[in-house]
Amino acid sequence: MNPTPWYKNFWPWFLIFFPLVTVVACVFLITFAVGNGPDMVVDDYYKKGKAINLELSKFDKAKALYLHGDLQVAEQKVTFKFTKGDASKVHALKLSFYHRTIEKYDFAVTLTKNASGEFTGLFDEPHSGVFTVFIEPMDNSWKMKEKIQLPHDGIIAVTPQYK
C-alpha cells in the first residue's frame, strides 16, 4: 500500500484552517485598530484643563453682557440675530460647528452683519448630525454655546448659559 501525501488528506487542512483564520483575523483587527484611533484623546490634560477654565470665563462674559439670540440653519445658509443684550460693537461672528464624535465633520462659518442687523453666512454643502455650535465675535471676547441637530427647521434660541 502506497501512502498518500499529507496535503491530499482532509485532516491536516482541517487542523490548519482554524489557526490560519485566527491569524488573519488578528492581523486585520490590529490594522483596523491602529488606523482608526479616537479623535478625542488629549495628550496634555493639565494644559487642556487650564484652557477650559479660560473658555468658561468667556461664557461668563456673554452672560454678563446678557446676550441672547436666535439661530436659524437652513440648507446652506446660517442666520443669527441678537434678541437681547448690547451687540452694537459686533460686526462679524464666527460659528464653529463641532460634531459630537467625528472630528472630520467639524466646520466653521463666518457671519457678517447685514443692513437689518442679522448676521448671515453660507457653507459649502449641507451637513447632518448632532453638532455643538460655538458662537463668538472675531475678537474672541465672549462665547455662547448650543447643541443642535442638523438639518433643522425653525429657530433655535441661544442663551449665554453653559450647557
Protein backbone atom coordinates (compact mmCIF):
# COMPACT_ATOMS: atom_id res chain seq x y z
CA MET A 1 0.00 0.00 0.00
CA ASN A 2 1.28 3.38 -1.05
CA PRO A 3 0.62 6.22 1.46
CA THR A 4 -0.94 9.44 0.04
CA PRO A 5 0.89 12.72 0.58
CA TRP A 6 -0.22 14.79 3.59
CA TYR A 7 -1.62 17.64 1.50
CA LYS A 8 -4.13 15.32 -0.16
CA ASN A 9 -5.69 14.31 3.16
CA PHE A 10 -8.59 16.13 4.85
CA TRP A 11 -7.43 16.26 8.47
CA PRO A 12 -4.22 18.28 8.07
CA TRP A 13 -6.13 21.00 6.21
CA PHE A 14 -8.90 20.95 8.79
CA LEU A 15 -6.36 21.38 11.60
CA ILE A 16 -4.51 24.17 9.76
CA PHE A 17 -7.69 26.09 8.83
CA PHE A 18 -8.69 27.43 12.29
CA PRO A 19 -5.27 28.75 13.38
CA LEU A 20 -4.81 30.33 9.95
CA VAL A 21 -8.19 32.09 10.12
CA THR A 22 -7.34 33.32 13.62
CA VAL A 23 -4.00 34.80 12.48
CA VAL A 24 -5.64 36.56 9.51
CA ALA A 25 -8.41 37.96 11.75
CA CYS A 26 -5.85 39.23 14.29
CA VAL A 27 -3.81 40.98 11.60
CA PHE A 28 -6.98 42.62 10.25
CA LEU A 29 -8.16 43.77 13.69
CA ILE A 30 -4.75 45.15 14.66
CA THR A 31 -4.53 47.06 11.37
CA PHE A 32 -8.05 48.41 11.85
CA ALA A 33 -7.43 49.44 15.47
CA VAL A 34 -4.15 51.22 14.74
CA GLY A 35 -5.55 53.02 11.68
CA ASN A 36 -8.74 54.27 13.36
CA GLY A 37 -7.66 55.76 16.68
CA PRO A 38 -10.01 58.00 18.64
CA ASP A 39 -10.04 61.72 17.80
CA MET A 40 -10.88 62.79 21.34
CA VAL A 41 -7.69 61.77 23.18
CA VAL A 42 -5.74 64.67 24.68
CA ASP A 43 -2.03 64.39 25.41
CA ASP A 44 -1.62 67.15 27.99
CA TYR A 45 -4.57 67.18 30.37
CA TYR A 46 -3.21 69.97 32.57
CA LYS A 47 -2.94 72.47 29.72
CA LYS A 48 -6.34 71.40 28.44
CA GLY A 49 -7.83 72.00 31.89
CA LYS A 50 -6.36 75.49 32.05
CA ALA A 51 -7.77 76.23 28.61
CA ILE A 52 -11.21 75.03 29.71
CA ASN A 53 -11.16 77.45 32.64
CA LEU A 54 -10.26 80.30 30.25
CA GLU A 55 -13.11 79.28 27.94
CA LEU A 56 -15.59 79.27 30.84
CA SER A 57 -14.72 82.90 31.59
CA LYS A 58 -15.79 83.74 28.01
CA PHE A 59 -19.20 82.20 28.70
CA ASP A 60 -19.42 84.30 31.87
CA LYS A 61 -18.66 87.43 29.86
CA ALA A 62 -21.52 86.64 27.44
CA LYS A 63 -23.75 86.14 30.45
CA ALA A 64 -22.65 89.49 31.92
CA LEU A 65 -23.43 91.21 28.60
CA TYR A 66 -26.85 89.50 28.70
CA LEU A 67 -26.52 88.30 25.10
CA HIS A 68 -29.35 86.20 23.68
CA GLY A 69 -30.09 85.40 20.07
CA ASP A 70 -31.93 83.33 17.52
CA LEU A 71 -30.04 80.91 15.31
CA GLN A 72 -31.51 79.59 12.09
CA VAL A 73 -29.76 76.99 9.94
CA ALA A 74 -31.27 76.34 6.51
CA GLU A 75 -29.84 74.08 3.79
CA GLN A 76 -26.61 76.03 3.26
CA LYS A 77 -27.39 79.33 4.99
CA VAL A 78 -26.88 80.32 8.61
CA THR A 79 -28.60 83.33 10.18
CA PHE A 80 -28.10 84.71 13.69
CA LYS A 81 -29.88 87.69 15.23
CA PHE A 82 -29.35 89.11 18.70
CA THR A 83 -32.61 89.39 20.63
CA LYS A 84 -31.22 90.79 23.91
CA GLY A 85 -28.05 92.49 25.04
CA ASP A 86 -25.77 95.09 23.52
CA ALA A 87 -24.22 93.73 20.35
CA SER A 88 -23.65 97.07 18.61
CA LYS A 89 -19.87 96.63 18.58
CA VAL A 90 -20.06 93.22 16.91
CA HIS A 91 -19.59 93.37 13.13
CA ALA A 92 -18.87 89.71 12.40
CA LEU A 93 -19.33 86.39 14.15
CA LYS A 94 -17.53 83.08 13.94
CA LEU A 95 -19.72 79.97 14.25
CA SER A 96 -17.85 76.74 14.89
CA PHE A 97 -19.79 73.52 14.38
CA TYR A 98 -18.27 70.54 16.21
CA HIS A 99 -19.61 67.08 15.50
CA ARG A 100 -20.30 65.03 18.60
CA THR A 101 -17.85 62.21 17.81
CA ILE A 102 -16.19 62.57 14.38
CA GLU A 103 -13.65 65.36 14.01
CA LYS A 104 -13.62 65.34 10.20
CA TYR A 105 -17.24 66.60 10.18
CA ASP A 106 -16.32 69.80 12.08
CA PHE A 107 -16.60 73.07 10.17
CA ALA A 108 -16.72 76.82 10.79
CA VAL A 109 -18.68 79.66 9.21
CA THR A 110 -18.04 83.42 9.36
CA LEU A 111 -21.20 85.50 9.62
CA THR A 112 -21.27 89.15 8.57
CA LYS A 113 -23.79 91.75 9.65
CA ASN A 114 -26.31 92.94 7.07
CA ALA A 115 -28.43 96.12 7.00
CA SER A 116 -31.26 94.58 9.03
CA GLY A 117 -28.92 93.72 11.92
CA GLU A 118 -28.83 89.98 11.19
CA PHE A 119 -25.63 88.03 10.79
CA THR A 120 -25.64 85.73 7.76
CA GLY A 121 -23.23 83.28 6.21
CA LEU A 122 -23.10 80.37 3.80
CA PHE A 123 -21.41 76.99 3.96
CA ASP A 124 -20.32 74.80 1.08
CA GLU A 125 -22.53 71.77 1.50
CA PRO A 126 -25.47 70.69 3.65
CA HIS A 127 -24.49 68.92 6.87
CA SER A 128 -26.36 66.42 9.01
CA GLY A 129 -25.87 65.07 12.50
CA VAL A 130 -25.66 66.36 16.06
CA PHE A 131 -23.38 69.37 16.44
CA THR A 132 -22.27 71.67 19.23
CA VAL A 133 -22.24 75.25 17.93
CA PHE A 134 -19.96 77.87 19.44
CA ILE A 135 -20.82 81.49 18.62
CA GLU A 136 -18.16 84.11 19.25
CA PRO A 137 -17.13 87.51 17.88
CA MET A 138 -13.99 87.84 15.81
CA ASP A 139 -12.05 89.25 18.80
CA ASN A 140 -12.92 86.13 20.90
CA SER A 141 -14.01 88.28 23.84
CA TRP A 142 -17.10 86.19 24.70
CA LYS A 143 -18.65 82.89 23.66
CA MET A 144 -22.06 81.19 23.53
CA LYS A 145 -22.83 77.52 23.00
CA GLU A 146 -25.78 75.49 21.76
CA LYS A 147 -26.36 71.87 20.76
CA ILE A 148 -28.33 71.34 17.57
CA GLN A 149 -29.41 68.56 15.25
CA LEU A 150 -28.87 69.27 11.53
CA PRO A 151 -30.81 69.58 9.33
CA HIS A 152 -33.07 71.77 11.47
CA ASP A 153 -36.19 73.66 10.51
CA GLY A 154 -37.09 76.64 12.64
CA ILE A 155 -35.35 78.97 15.02
CA ILE A 156 -33.07 77.92 17.87
CA ALA A 157 -32.94 80.21 20.90
CA VAL A 158 -29.35 80.71 22.06
CA THR A 159 -28.67 81.80 25.63
CA PRO A 160 -25.37 82.53 27.39
CA GLN A 161 -25.83 79.60 29.78
CA TYR A 162 -23.06 77.00 29.61
CA LYS A 163 -24.84 73.71 28.82
